[in-house]
Amino acid sequence: MEHACEYCGINLELRQVFDVKRGLGRYGVIEYVDPGVVKKGDIQLGSVSPACGEAAFQYVIKAISLAKENEIAAIVTAPINKKAIRGICKG
């Protein structure tokens, strides 16, 4: 998210929340829940990565879980690299 904000030249505050009920919903703030699957240093921009595929998959699973529990009202994703996800789902 930091890279995306820098790349787009936008100034948004990124705020990790551990309980979605504690989200503030403020303008100019992106609040996120991090399942802790991938570390910032593990991300290689511009390449297909099984680690990033796993992270994308876990983010979607977490969002679905929160929606089913009525903790959130909607799910929005950025493009998800299907090759990276297929790499983790083989077998």
PDB file of N, CA and C in Angstrom:
ATOM      1  N   MET A   1       0.833  -1.188   0.000  1.00  0.00           N
ATOM      2  CA  MET A   1       0.000   0.000   0.000  1.00  0.00           C
ATOM      3  C   MET A   1       0.877   1.251   0.000  1.00  0.00           C
ATOM      4  N   GLU A   2       1.974   1.202   0.758  1.00  0.00           N
ATOM      5  CA  GLU A   2       2.877   2.355   0.767  1.00  0.00           C
ATOM      6  C   GLU A   2       3.407   2.629  -0.635  1.00  0.00           C
ATOM      7  N   HIS A   3       3.838   1.570  -1.322  1.00  0.00           N
ATOM      8  CA  HIS A   3       4.370   1.731  -2.676  1.00  0.00           C
ATOM      9  C   HIS A   3       3.297   2.285  -3.617  1.00  0.00           C
ATOM     10  N   ALA A   4       2.076   1.774  -3.520  1.00  0.00           N
ATOM     11  CA  ALA A   4       0.994   2.239  -4.389  1.00  0.00           C
ATOM     12  C   ALA A   4       0.720   3.726  -4.166  1.00  0.00           C
ATOM     13  N   CYS A   5       0.716   4.153  -2.924  1.00  0.00           N
ATOM     14  CA  CYS A   5       0.487   5.573  -2.632  1.00  0.00           C
ATOM     15  C   CYS A   5       1.617   6.433  -3.195  1.00  0.00           C
ATOM     16  N   GLU A   6       2.859   5.982  -2.991  1.00  0.00           N
ATOM     17  CA  GLU A   6       4.004   6.723  -3.522  1.00  0.00           C
ATOM     18  C   GLU A   6       3.946   6.784  -5.050  1.00  0.00           C
ATOM     19  N   TYR A   7       3.690   5.636  -5.677  1.00  0.00           N
ATOM     20  CA  TYR A   7       3.655   5.543  -7.135  1.00  0.00           C
ATOM     21  C   TYR A   7       2.591   6.462  -7.723  1.00  0.00           C
ATOM     22  N   CYS A   8       1.447   6.538  -7.073  1.00  0.00           N
ATOM     23  CA  CYS A   8       0.338   7.358  -7.567  1.00  0.00           C
ATOM     24  C   CYS A   8       0.436   8.820  -7.130  1.00  0.00           C
ATOM     25  N   GLY A   9       1.397   9.110  -6.261  1.00  0.00           N
ATOM     26  CA  GLY A   9       1.566  10.480  -5.790  1.00  0.00           C
ATOM     27  C   GLY A   9       0.433  10.960  -4.913  1.00  0.00           C
ATOM     28  N   ILE A  10      -0.133  10.042  -4.131  1.00  0.00           N
ATOM     29  CA  ILE A  10      -1.219  10.443  -3.230  1.00  0.00           C
ATOM     30  C   ILE A  10      -0.761  10.303  -1.784  1.00  0.00           C
ATOM     31  N   ASN A  11      -1.289  11.148  -0.960  1.00  0.00           N
ATOM     32  CA  ASN A  11      -0.897  11.170   0.444  1.00  0.00           C
ATOM     33  C   ASN A  11      -2.059  10.659   1.291  1.00  0.00           C
ATOM     34  N   LEU A  12      -2.018   9.377   1.611  1.00  0.00           N
ATOM     35  CA  LEU A  12      -3.034   8.777   2.464  1.00  0.00           C
ATOM     36  C   LEU A  12      -2.358   8.195   3.694  1.00  0.00           C
ATOM     37  N   GLU A  13      -3.041   8.253   4.796  1.00  0.00           N
ATOM     38  CA  GLU A  13      -2.534   7.613   6.011  1.00  0.00           C
ATOM     39  C   GLU A  13      -2.913   6.133   5.959  1.00  0.00           C
ATOM     40  N   LEU A  14      -1.963   5.266   6.256  1.00  0.00           N
ATOM     41  CA  LEU A  14      -2.233   3.835   6.348  1.00  0.00           C
ATOM     42  C   LEU A  14      -2.293   3.488   7.827  1.00  0.00           C
ATOM     43  N   ARG A  15      -3.359   2.806   8.222  1.00  0.00           N
ATOM     44  CA  ARG A  15      -3.570   2.505   9.643  1.00  0.00           C
ATOM     45  C   ARG A  15      -3.995   1.053   9.800  1.00  0.00           C
ATOM     46  N   GLN A  16      -3.141   0.276  10.445  1.00  0.00           N
ATOM     47  CA  GLN A  16      -3.490  -1.124  10.701  1.00  0.00           C
ATOM     48  C   GLN A  16      -4.453  -1.200  11.876  1.00  0.00           C
ATOM     49  N   VAL A  17      -5.517  -1.986  11.686  1.00  0.00           N
ATOM     50  CA  VAL A  17      -6.458  -2.236  12.773  1.00  0.00           C
ATOM     51  C   VAL A  17      -6.455  -3.730  13.070  1.00  0.00           C
ATOM     52  N   PHE A  18      -6.613  -4.063  14.308  1.00  0.00           N
ATOM     53  CA  PHE A  18      -6.613  -5.454  14.718  1.00  0.00           C
ATOM     54  C   PHE A  18      -8.025  -5.955  14.996  1.00  0.00           C
ATOM     55  N   ASP A  19      -8.952  -5.015  15.113  1.00  0.00           N
ATOM     56  CA  ASP A  19     -10.365  -5.316  15.317  1.00  0.00           C
ATOM     57  C   ASP A  19     -11.145  -4.336  14.453  1.00  0.00           C
ATOM     58  N   VAL A  20     -11.877  -4.838  13.462  1.00  0.00           N
ATOM     59  CA  VAL A  20     -12.550  -3.935  12.524  1.00  0.00           C
ATOM     60  C   VAL A  20     -13.541  -3.003  13.212  1.00  0.00           C
ATOM     61  N   LYS A  21     -14.023  -3.376  14.372  1.00  0.00           N
ATOM     62  CA  LYS A  21     -14.943  -2.503  15.101  1.00  0.00           C
ATOM     63  C   LYS A  21     -14.242  -1.244  15.603  1.00  0.00           C
ATOM     64  N   ARG A  22     -12.915  -1.272  15.623  1.00  0.00           N
ATOM     65  CA  ARG A  22     -12.156  -0.103  16.070  1.00  0.00           C
ATOM     66  C   ARG A  22     -11.738   0.800  14.909  1.00  0.00           C
ATOM     67  N   GLY A  23     -12.204   0.458  13.708  1.00  0.00           N
ATOM     68  CA  GLY A  23     -11.924   1.308  12.555  1.00  0.00           C
ATOM     69  C   GLY A  23     -12.608   2.655  12.712  1.00  0.00           C
ATOM     70  N   LEU A  24     -11.947   3.700  12.265  1.00  0.00           N
ATOM     71  CA  LEU A  24     -12.472   5.046  12.441  1.00  0.00           C
ATOM     72  C   LEU A  24     -13.252   5.539  11.233  1.00  0.00           C
ATOM     73  N   GLY A  25     -12.966   4.987  10.043  1.00  0.00           N
ATOM     74  CA  GLY A  25     -13.674   5.408   8.838  1.00  0.00           C
ATOM     75  C   GLY A  25     -13.448   6.865   8.493  1.00  0.00           C
ATOM     76  N   ARG A  26     -12.221   7.337   8.668  1.00  0.00           N
ATOM     77  CA  ARG A  26     -11.916   8.742   8.390  1.00  0.00           C
ATOM     78  C   ARG A  26     -11.492   8.944   6.943  1.00  0.00           C
ATOM     79  N   TYR A  27     -11.857  10.090   6.391  1.00  0.00           N
ATOM     80  CA  TYR A  27     -11.435  10.479   5.050  1.00  0.00           C
ATOM     81  C   TYR A  27      -9.913  10.566   4.997  1.00  0.00           C
ATOM     82  N   GLY A  28      -9.314  10.026   3.934  1.00  0.00           N
ATOM     83  CA  GLY A  28      -7.869  10.108   3.760  1.00  0.00           C
ATOM     84  C   GLY A  28      -7.089   9.038   4.495  1.00  0.00           C
ATOM     85  N   VAL A  29      -7.801   8.080   5.091  1.00  0.00           N
ATOM     86  CA  VAL A  29      -7.151   7.013   5.850  1.00  0.00           C
ATOM     87  C   VAL A  29      -7.568   5.663   5.273  1.00  0.00           C
ATOM     88  N   ILE A  30      -6.577   4.829   4.968  1.00  0.00           N
ATOM     89  CA  ILE A  30      -6.854   3.453   4.572  1.00  0.00           C
ATOM     90  C   ILE A  30      -6.574   2.584   5.790  1.00  0.00           C
ATOM     91  N   GLU A  31      -7.624   1.975   6.294  1.00  0.00           N
ATOM     92  CA  GLU A  31      -7.486   1.069   7.428  1.00  0.00           C
ATOM     93  C   GLU A  31      -7.450  -0.354   6.890  1.00  0.00           C
ATOM     94  N   TYR A  32      -6.564  -1.162   7.448  1.00  0.00           N
ATOM     95  CA  TYR A  32      -6.403  -2.518   6.933  1.00  0.00           C
ATOM     96  C   TYR A  32      -6.163  -3.513   8.053  1.00  0.00           C
ATOM     97  N   VAL A  33      -6.536  -4.751   7.767  1.00  0.00           N
ATOM     98  CA  VAL A  33      -6.272  -5.875   8.661  1.00  0.00           C
ATOM     99  C   VAL A  33      -5.186  -6.697   7.982  1.00  0.00           C
ATOM    100  N   ASP A  34      -4.106  -6.986   8.677  1.00  0.00           N
ATOM    101  CA  ASP A  34      -2.992  -7.730   8.095  1.00  0.00           C
ATOM    102  C   ASP A  34      -2.941  -9.126   8.690  1.00  0.00           C
ATOM    103  N   PRO A  35      -3.212 -10.161   7.864  1.00  0.00           N
ATOM    104  CA  PRO A  35      -3.137 -11.525   8.404  1.00  0.00           C
ATOM    105  C   PRO A  35      -1.713 -11.984   8.681  1.00  0.00           C
ATOM    106  N   GLY A  36      -0.709 -11.169   8.350  1.00  0.00           N
ATOM    107  CA  GLY A  36       0.673 -11.489   8.683  1.00  0.00           C
ATOM    108  C   GLY A  36       1.293 -12.606   7.857  1.00  0.00           C
ATOM    109  N   VAL A  37       0.808 -12.808   6.638  1.00  0.00           N
ATOM    110  CA  VAL A  37       1.295 -13.903   5.798  1.00  0.00           C
ATOM    111  C   VAL A  37       2.617 -13.556   5.129  1.00  0.00           C
ATOM    112  N   VAL A  38       2.798 -12.311   4.742  1.00  0.00           N
ATOM    113  CA  VAL A  38       4.002 -11.911   4.019  1.00  0.00           C
ATOM    114  C   VAL A  38       4.570 -10.650   4.667  1.00  0.00           C
ATOM    115  N   LYS A  39       5.890 -10.572   4.713  1.00  0.00           N
ATOM    116  CA  LYS A  39       6.565  -9.400   5.266  1.00  0.00           C
ATOM    117  C   LYS A  39       6.907  -8.438   4.131  1.00  0.00           C
ATOM    118  N   LYS A  40       7.015  -7.167   4.448  1.00  0.00           N
ATOM    119  CA  LYS A  40       7.289  -6.138   3.449  1.00  0.00           C
ATOM    120  C   LYS A  40       8.532  -6.476   2.614  1.00  0.00           C
ATOM    121  N   GLY A  41       9.580  -6.973   3.222  1.00  0.00           N
ATOM    122  CA  GLY A  41      10.814  -7.298   2.514  1.00  0.00           C
ATOM    123  C   GLY A  41      10.691  -8.485   1.573  1.00  0.00           C
ATOM    124  N   ASP A  42       9.628  -9.288   1.728  1.00  0.00           N
ATOM    125  CA  ASP A  42       9.428 -10.461   0.870  1.00  0.00           C
ATOM    126  C   ASP A  42       8.789 -10.109  -0.472  1.00  0.00           C
ATOM    127  N   ILE A  43       8.305  -8.901  -0.608  1.00  0.00           N
ATOM    128  CA  ILE A  43       7.574  -8.499  -1.814  1.00  0.00           C
ATOM    129  C   ILE A  43       8.557  -8.035  -2.876  1.00  0.00           C
ATOM    130  N   GLN A  44       8.481  -8.660  -4.050  1.00  0.00           N
ATOM    131  CA  GLN A  44       9.297  -8.258  -5.195  1.00  0.00           C
ATOM    132  C   GLN A  44       8.346  -7.735  -6.261  1.00  0.00           C
ATOM    133  N   LEU A  45       8.299  -6.422  -6.401  1.00  0.00           N
ATOM    134  CA  LEU A  45       7.386  -5.811  -7.354  1.00  0.00           C
ATOM    135  C   LEU A  45       7.731  -6.247  -8.773  1.00  0.00           C
ATOM    136  N   GLY A  46       6.694  -6.538  -9.555  1.00  0.00           N
ATOM    137  CA  GLY A  46       6.876  -6.882 -10.949  1.00  0.00           C
ATOM    138  C   GLY A  46       7.172  -8.342 -11.220  1.00  0.00           C
ATOM    139  N   SER A  47       7.121  -9.190 -10.196  1.00  0.00           N
ATOM    140  CA  SER A  47       7.372 -10.620 -10.426  1.00  0.00           C
ATOM    141  C   SER A  47       6.296 -11.447  -9.729  1.00  0.00           C
ATOM    142  N   VAL A  48       6.012 -12.623 -10.312  1.00  0.00           N
ATOM    143  CA  VAL A  48       5.033 -13.530  -9.722  1.00  0.00           C
ATOM    144  C   VAL A  48       5.680 -14.204  -8.525  1.00  0.00           C
ATOM    145  N   SER A  49       5.003 -14.170  -7.400  1.00  0.00           N
ATOM    146  CA  SER A  49       5.568 -14.697  -6.163  1.00  0.00           C
ATOM    147  C   SER A  49       4.548 -15.583  -5.450  1.00  0.00           C
ATOM    148  N   PRO A  50       4.922 -16.845  -5.173  1.00  0.00           N
ATOM    149  CA  PRO A  50       4.017 -17.690  -4.388  1.00  0.00           C
ATOM    150  C   PRO A  50       3.696 -17.083  -3.013  1.00  0.00           C
ATOM    151  N   ALA A  51       4.657 -16.402  -2.402  1.00  0.00           N
ATOM    152  CA  ALA A  51       4.413 -15.780  -1.091  1.00  0.00           C
ATOM    153  C   ALA A  51       3.342 -14.694  -1.200  1.00  0.00           C
ATOM    154  N   CYS A  52       3.407 -13.905  -2.264  1.00  0.00           N
ATOM    155  CA  CYS A  52       2.403 -12.857  -2.454  1.00  0.00           C
ATOM    156  C   CYS A  52       1.060 -13.461  -2.860  1.00  0.00           C
ATOM    157  N   GLY A  53       1.095 -14.564  -3.618  1.00  0.00           N
ATOM    158  CA  GLY A  53      -0.140 -15.273  -3.947  1.00  0.00           C
ATOM    159  C   GLY A  53      -0.819 -15.789  -2.698  1.00  0.00           C
ATOM    160  N   GLU A  54      -0.027 -16.344  -1.787  1.00  0.00           N
ATOM    161  CA  GLU A  54      -0.564 -16.822  -0.506  1.00  0.00           C
ATOM    162  C   GLU A  54      -1.156 -15.662   0.283  1.00  0.00           C
ATOM    163  N   ALA A  55      -0.451 -14.532   0.301  1.00  0.00           N
ATOM    164  CA  ALA A  55      -0.957 -13.363   1.028  1.00  0.00           C
ATOM    165  C   ALA A  55      -2.277 -12.888   0.438  1.00  0.00           C
ATOM    166  N   ALA A  56      -2.358 -12.789  -0.900  1.00  0.00           N
ATOM    167  CA  ALA A  56      -3.599 -12.351  -1.552  1.00  0.00           C
ATOM    168  C   ALA A  56      -4.740 -13.296  -1.202  1.00  0.00           C
ATOM    169  N   PHE A  57      -4.468 -14.590  -1.268  1.00  0.00           N
ATOM    170  CA  PHE A  57      -5.471 -15.602  -0.947  1.00  0.00           C
ATOM    171  C   PHE A  57      -5.953 -15.444   0.504  1.00  0.00           C
ATOM    172  N   GLN A  58      -5.020 -15.282   1.434  1.00  0.00           N
ATOM    173  CA  GLN A  58      -5.374 -15.152   2.851  1.00  0.00           C
ATOM    174  C   GLN A  58      -6.151 -13.859   3.120  1.00  0.00           C
ATOM    175  N   TYR A  59      -5.809 -12.775   2.414  1.00  0.00           N
ATOM    176  CA  TYR A  59      -6.571 -11.534   2.558  1.00  0.00           C
ATOM    177  C   TYR A  59      -8.023 -11.743   2.146  1.00  0.00           C
ATOM    178  N   VAL A  60      -8.237 -12.428   1.027  1.00  0.00           N
ATOM    179  CA  VAL A  60      -9.600 -12.673   0.558  1.00  0.00           C
ATOM    180  C   VAL A  60     -10.353 -13.573   1.535  1.00  0.00           C
ATOM    181  N   ILE A  61      -9.698 -14.624   2.021  1.00  0.00           N
ATOM    182  CA  ILE A  61     -10.316 -15.521   3.007  1.00  0.00           C
ATOM    183  C   ILE A  61     -10.706 -14.742   4.266  1.00  0.00           C
ATOM    184  N   LYS A  62      -9.810 -13.872   4.744  1.00  0.00           N
ATOM    185  CA  LYS A  62     -10.099 -13.061   5.933  1.00  0.00           C
ATOM    186  C   LYS A  62     -11.278 -12.128   5.678  1.00  0.00           C
ATOM    187  N   ALA A  63     -11.308 -11.498   4.499  1.00  0.00           N
ATOM    188  CA  ALA A  63     -12.412 -10.585   4.170  1.00  0.00           C
ATOM    189  C   ALA A  63     -13.742 -11.328   4.118  1.00  0.00           C
ATOM    190  N   ILE A  64     -13.738 -12.512   3.513  1.00  0.00           N
ATOM    191  CA  ILE A  64     -14.966 -13.313   3.451  1.00  0.00           C
ATOM    192  C   ILE A  64     -15.435 -13.666   4.855  1.00  0.00           C
ATOM    193  N   SER A  65     -14.503 -14.062   5.707  1.00  0.00           N
ATOM    194  CA  SER A  65     -14.841 -14.410   7.090  1.00  0.00           C
ATOM    195  C   SER A  65     -15.466 -13.215   7.817  1.00  0.00           C
ATOM    196  N   LEU A  66     -14.859 -12.036   7.666  1.00  0.00           N
ATOM    197  CA  LEU A  66     -15.395 -10.833   8.316  1.00  0.00           C
ATOM    198  C   LEU A  66     -16.779 -10.480   7.777  1.00  0.00           C
ATOM    199  N   ALA A  67     -16.985 -10.659   6.465  1.00  0.00           N
ATOM    200  CA  ALA A  67     -18.295 -10.367   5.875  1.00  0.00           C
ATOM    201  C   ALA A  67     -19.351 -11.351   6.383  1.00  0.00           C
ATOM    202  N   LYS A  68     -18.991 -12.623   6.451  1.00  0.00           N
ATOM    203  CA  LYS A  68     -19.950 -13.633   6.930  1.00  0.00           C
ATOM    204  C   LYS A  68     -20.328 -13.408   8.389  1.00  0.00           C
ATOM    205  N   GLU A  69     -19.412 -12.816   9.155  1.00  0.00           N
ATOM    206  CA  GLU A  69     -19.678 -12.519  10.565  1.00  0.00           C
ATOM    207  C   GLU A  69     -20.334 -11.149  10.740  1.00  0.00           C
ATOM    208  N   ASN A  70     -20.703 -10.498   9.617  1.00  0.00           N
ATOM    209  CA  ASN A  70     -21.304  -9.161   9.633  1.00  0.00           C
ATOM    210  C   ASN A  70     -20.426  -8.119  10.315  1.00  0.00           C
ATOM    211  N   GLU A  71     -19.111  -8.327  10.250  1.00  0.00           N
ATOM    212  CA  GLU A  71     -18.165  -7.351  10.808  1.00  0.00           C
ATOM    213  C   GLU A  71     -17.881  -6.243   9.797  1.00  0.00           C
ATOM    214  N   ILE A  72     -18.023  -6.565   8.499  1.00  0.00           N
ATOM    215  CA  ILE A  72     -17.846  -5.586   7.430  1.00  0.00           C
ATOM    216  C   ILE A  72     -19.037  -5.697   6.482  1.00  0.00           C
ATOM    217  N   ALA A  73     -19.276  -4.629   5.724  1.00  0.00           N
ATOM    218  CA  ALA A  73     -20.442  -4.600   4.838  1.00  0.00           C
ATOM    219  C   ALA A  73     -20.104  -4.940   3.395  1.00  0.00           C
ATOM    220  N   ALA A  74     -18.828  -4.847   3.019  1.00  0.00           N
ATOM    221  CA  ALA A  74     -18.456  -5.084   1.625  1.00  0.00           C
ATOM    222  C   ALA A  74     -17.000  -5.513   1.529  1.00  0.00           C
ATOM    223  N   ILE A  75     -16.662  -6.099   0.384  1.00  0.00           N
ATOM    224  CA  ILE A  75     -15.283  -6.495   0.091  1.00  0.00           C
ATOM    225  C   ILE A  75     -14.904  -5.868  -1.243  1.00  0.00           C
ATOM    226  N   VAL A  76     -13.747  -5.236  -1.275  1.00  0.00           N
ATOM    227  CA  VAL A  76     -13.209  -4.660  -2.502  1.00  0.00           C
ATOM    228  C   VAL A  76     -11.771  -5.145  -2.618  1.00  0.00           C
ATOM    229  N   THR A  77     -11.400  -5.627  -3.801  1.00  0.00           N
ATOM    230  CA  THR A  77     -10.009  -6.045  -4.006  1.00  0.00           C
ATOM    231  C   THR A  77      -9.398  -5.260  -5.149  1.00  0.00           C
ATOM    232  N   ALA A  78      -8.095  -5.192  -5.127  1.00  0.00           N
ATOM    233  CA  ALA A  78      -7.335  -4.734  -6.283  1.00  0.00           C
ATOM    234  C   ALA A  78      -7.159  -5.956  -7.179  1.00  0.00           C
ATOM    235  N   PRO A  79      -6.579  -5.795  -8.359  1.00  0.00           N
ATOM    236  CA  PRO A  79      -6.335  -6.982  -9.180  1.00  0.00           C
ATOM    237  C   PRO A  79      -5.505  -8.013  -8.418  1.00  0.00           C
ATOM    238  N   ILE A  80      -5.871  -9.270  -8.564  1.00  0.00           N
ATOM    239  CA  ILE A  80      -5.176 -10.362  -7.891  1.00  0.00           C
ATOM    240  C   ILE A  80      -4.514 -11.226  -8.951  1.00  0.00           C
ATOM    241  N   ASN A  81      -3.233 -11.503  -8.787  1.00  0.00           N
ATOM    242  CA  ASN A  81      -2.494 -12.291  -9.767  1.00  0.00           C
ATOM    243  C   ASN A  81      -2.858 -13.766  -9.629  1.00  0.00           C
ATOM    244  N   LYS A  82      -3.618 -14.253 -10.582  1.00  0.00           N
ATOM    245  CA  LYS A  82      -4.102 -15.639 -10.521  1.00  0.00           C
ATOM    246  C   LYS A  82      -2.964 -16.655 -10.669  1.00  0.00           C
ATOM    247  N   LYS A  83      -1.900 -16.290 -11.401  1.00  0.00           N
ATOM    248  CA  LYS A  83      -0.746 -17.195 -11.512  1.00  0.00           C
ATOM    249  C   LYS A  83      -0.124 -17.433 -10.147  1.00  0.00           C
ATOM    250  N   ALA A  84       0.010 -16.384  -9.377  1.00  0.00           N
ATOM    251  CA  ALA A  84       0.598 -16.525  -8.045  1.00  0.00           C
ATOM    252  C   ALA A  84      -0.276 -17.390  -7.152  1.00  0.00           C
ATOM    253  N   ILE A  85      -1.594 -17.222  -7.244  1.00  0.00           N
ATOM    254  CA  ILE A  85      -2.500 -18.035  -6.431  1.00  0.00           C
ATOM    255  C   ILE A  85      -2.490 -19.479  -6.908  1.00  0.00           C
ATOM    256  N   ARG A  86      -2.470 -19.702  -8.202  1.00  0.00           N
ATOM    257  CA  ARG A  86      -2.392 -21.075  -8.713  1.00  0.00           C
ATOM    258  C   ARG A  86      -1.134 -21.765  -8.203  1.00  0.00           C
ATOM    259  N   GLY A  87      -0.054 -21.017  -8.062  1.00  0.00           N
ATOM    260  CA  GLY A  87       1.202 -21.575  -7.568  1.00  0.00           C
ATOM    261  C   GLY A  87       1.094 -22.133  -6.163  1.00  0.00           C
ATOM    262  N   ILE A  88       0.197 -21.581  -5.355  1.00  0.00           N
ATOM    263  CA  ILE A  88       0.024 -22.072  -3.986  1.00  0.00           C
ATOM    264  C   ILE A  88      -1.035 -23.144  -3.895  1.00  0.00           C
ATOM    265  N   CYS A  89      -1.880 -23.241  -4.917  1.00  0.00           N
ATOM    266  CA  CYS A  89      -3.009 -24.178  -4.860  1.00  0.00           C
ATOM    267  C   CYS A  89      -2.738 -25.478  -5.610  1.00  0.00           C
ATOM    268  N   LYS A  90      -1.519 -25.687  -6.068  1.00  0.00           N
ATOM    269  CA  LYS A  90      -1.197 -26.945  -6.769  1.00  0.00           C
ATOM    270  C   LYS A  90      -1.127 -28.083  -5.761  1.00  0.00           C
ATOM    271  N   GLY A  91      -1.409 -29.254  -6.263  1.00  0.00           N
ATOM    272  CA  GLY A  91      -1.194 -30.396  -5.402  1.00  0.00           C
ATOM    273  C   GLY A  91      -2.429 -31.123  -5.103  1.00  0.00           C
TER     274      GLY A  91
END
